[in-house]
């Protein structure tokens, strides 16, 4: 390579470095613009209120029990 070629390559690299630096400052977020507002959430505690007595009481139906039916219909979908 000739000395003119090396100088041309170095000058093109320098110009492209400056241009890429200026473009990246416009595209990417600067440190001053990185601050964003976030919603503050209450911390989780192990303190739970007692459930409503209207729904959770001693006379409520237990859905986990097996259903015990007395229906002796052998053909339930016959309509009779």
C-alpha atoms as a PDB file:
ATOM      1  CA  UNK A   1       0.000   0.000   0.000  1.00  0.00           C
ATOM      2  CA  UNK A   2       1.062   3.497  -0.636  1.00  0.00           C
ATOM      3  CA  UNK A   3       1.292   6.141   2.023  1.00  0.00           C
ATOM      4  CA  UNK A   4      -1.667   7.995   0.481  1.00  0.00           C
ATOM      5  CA  UNK A   5      -3.838   4.884   0.835  1.00  0.00           C
ATOM      6  CA  UNK A   6      -2.966   4.485   4.510  1.00  0.00           C
ATOM      7  CA  UNK A   7      -3.706   8.175   5.173  1.00  0.00           C
ATOM      8  CA  UNK A   8      -7.028   7.853   3.348  1.00  0.00           C
ATOM      9  CA  UNK A   9      -8.015   4.774   5.375  1.00  0.00           C
ATOM     10  CA  UNK A  10      -7.059   6.466   8.654  1.00  0.00           C
ATOM     11  CA  UNK A  11      -8.992   9.636   7.772  1.00  0.00           C
ATOM     12  CA  UNK A  12     -12.089   7.635   6.737  1.00  0.00           C
ATOM     13  CA  UNK A  13     -11.899   5.659   9.996  1.00  0.00           C
ATOM     14  CA  UNK A  14     -11.611   8.868  12.023  1.00  0.00           C
ATOM     15  CA  UNK A  15     -14.556  10.499  10.265  1.00  0.00           C
ATOM     16  CA  UNK A  16     -16.698   7.365  10.632  1.00  0.00           C
ATOM     17  CA  UNK A  17     -15.805   7.172  14.346  1.00  0.00           C
ATOM     18  CA  UNK A  18     -16.885  10.791  14.901  1.00  0.00           C
ATOM     19  CA  UNK A  19     -20.104  10.313  12.924  1.00  0.00           C
ATOM     20  CA  UNK A  20     -20.963   7.087  14.768  1.00  0.00           C
ATOM     21  CA  UNK A  21     -20.299   8.776  18.123  1.00  0.00           C
ATOM     22  CA  UNK A  22     -22.616  11.678  17.263  1.00  0.00           C
ATOM     23  CA  UNK A  23     -25.346   9.399  15.922  1.00  0.00           C
ATOM     24  CA  UNK A  24     -25.151   7.086  18.944  1.00  0.00           C
ATOM     25  CA  UNK A  25     -25.621  10.058  21.279  1.00  0.00           C
ATOM     26  CA  UNK A  26     -28.858  10.890  19.472  1.00  0.00           C
ATOM     27  CA  UNK A  27     -30.152   7.309  19.296  1.00  0.00           C
ATOM     28  CA  UNK A  28     -29.277   5.911  22.716  1.00  0.00           C
ATOM     29  CA  UNK A  29     -30.531   7.286  25.998  1.00  0.00           C
ATOM     30  CA  UNK A  30     -28.172   9.608  27.794  1.00  0.00           C
ATOM     31  CA  UNK A  31     -27.566   9.145  31.543  1.00  0.00           C
ATOM     32  CA  UNK A  32     -29.603  12.253  32.353  1.00  0.00           C
ATOM     33  CA  UNK A  33     -32.638  10.804  30.522  1.00  0.00           C
ATOM     34  CA  UNK A  34     -32.440   7.359  32.125  1.00  0.00           C
ATOM     35  CA  UNK A  35     -34.552   8.358  35.115  1.00  0.00           C
ATOM     36  CA  UNK A  36     -38.102   7.032  34.894  1.00  0.00           C
ATOM     37  CA  UNK A  37     -40.975   7.302  37.311  1.00  0.00           C
ATOM     38  CA  UNK A  38     -42.105   4.009  38.785  1.00  0.00           C
ATOM     39  CA  UNK A  39     -45.097   3.064  40.860  1.00  0.00           C
ATOM     40  CA  UNK A  40     -44.267   2.429  44.499  1.00  0.00           C
ATOM     41  CA  UNK A  41     -45.706  -0.832  45.799  1.00  0.00           C
ATOM     42  CA  UNK A  42     -46.530  -1.584  49.425  1.00  0.00           C
ATOM     43  CA  UNK A  43     -44.322  -4.281  50.946  1.00  0.00           C
ATOM     44  CA  UNK A  44     -45.778  -7.758  51.353  1.00  0.00           C
ATOM     45  CA  UNK A  45     -46.451  -8.775  54.943  1.00  0.00           C
ATOM     46  CA  UNK A  46     -47.446 -12.038  56.563  1.00  0.00           C
ATOM     47  CA  UNK A  47     -50.385 -10.316  58.225  1.00  0.00           C
ATOM     48  CA  UNK A  48     -53.708 -11.433  56.701  1.00  0.00           C
ATOM     49  CA  UNK A  49     -57.106 -10.220  57.864  1.00  0.00           C
ATOM     50  CA  UNK A  50     -59.668 -12.796  58.943  1.00  0.00           C
ATOM     51  CA  UNK A  51     -62.097 -13.767  56.156  1.00  0.00           C
ATOM     52  CA  UNK A  52     -65.677 -12.564  56.204  1.00  0.00           C
ATOM     53  CA  UNK A  53     -67.865 -14.631  58.570  1.00  0.00           C
ATOM     54  CA  UNK A  54     -70.678 -14.398  56.013  1.00  0.00           C
ATOM     55  CA  UNK A  55     -68.867 -16.833  53.710  1.00  0.00           C
ATOM     56  CA  UNK A  56     -66.510 -18.734  56.025  1.00  0.00           C
ATOM     57  CA  UNK A  57     -68.523 -20.113  58.929  1.00  0.00           C
ATOM     58  CA  UNK A  58     -69.081 -23.475  60.559  1.00  0.00           C
ATOM     59  CA  UNK A  59     -72.374 -24.138  58.720  1.00  0.00           C
ATOM     60  CA  UNK A  60     -70.968 -23.554  55.222  1.00  0.00           C
ATOM     61  CA  UNK A  61     -70.997 -26.292  52.596  1.00  0.00           C
ATOM     62  CA  UNK A  62     -67.644 -28.027  52.210  1.00  0.00           C
ATOM     63  CA  UNK A  63     -66.991 -28.328  48.447  1.00  0.00           C
ATOM     64  CA  UNK A  64     -64.177 -30.843  49.049  1.00  0.00           C
ATOM     65  CA  UNK A  65     -66.566 -33.560  50.280  1.00  0.00           C
ATOM     66  CA  UNK A  66     -67.746 -36.304  47.955  1.00  0.00           C
ATOM     67  CA  UNK A  67     -71.361 -35.937  46.904  1.00  0.00           C
ATOM     68  CA  UNK A  68     -73.591 -38.662  48.312  1.00  0.00           C
ATOM     69  CA  UNK A  69     -76.709 -39.016  46.248  1.00  0.00           C
ATOM     70  CA  UNK A  70     -79.706 -41.307  46.745  1.00  0.00           C
ATOM     71  CA  UNK A  71     -80.854 -41.210  43.136  1.00  0.00           C
ATOM     72  CA  UNK A  72     -81.544 -44.707  41.843  1.00  0.00           C
ATOM     73  CA  UNK A  73     -82.142 -43.646  38.243  1.00  0.00           C
ATOM     74  CA  UNK A  74     -80.057 -45.976  36.070  1.00  0.00           C
ATOM     75  CA  UNK A  75     -80.647 -43.963  32.909  1.00  0.00           C
ATOM     76  CA  UNK A  76     -80.364 -40.275  33.892  1.00  0.00           C
ATOM     77  CA  UNK A  77     -80.467 -38.860  30.356  1.00  0.00           C
ATOM     78  CA  UNK A  78     -83.626 -40.587  29.246  1.00  0.00           C
ATOM     79  CA  UNK A  79     -85.858 -37.709  30.362  1.00  0.00           C
ATOM     80  CA  UNK A  80     -88.114 -39.800  32.566  1.00  0.00           C
END
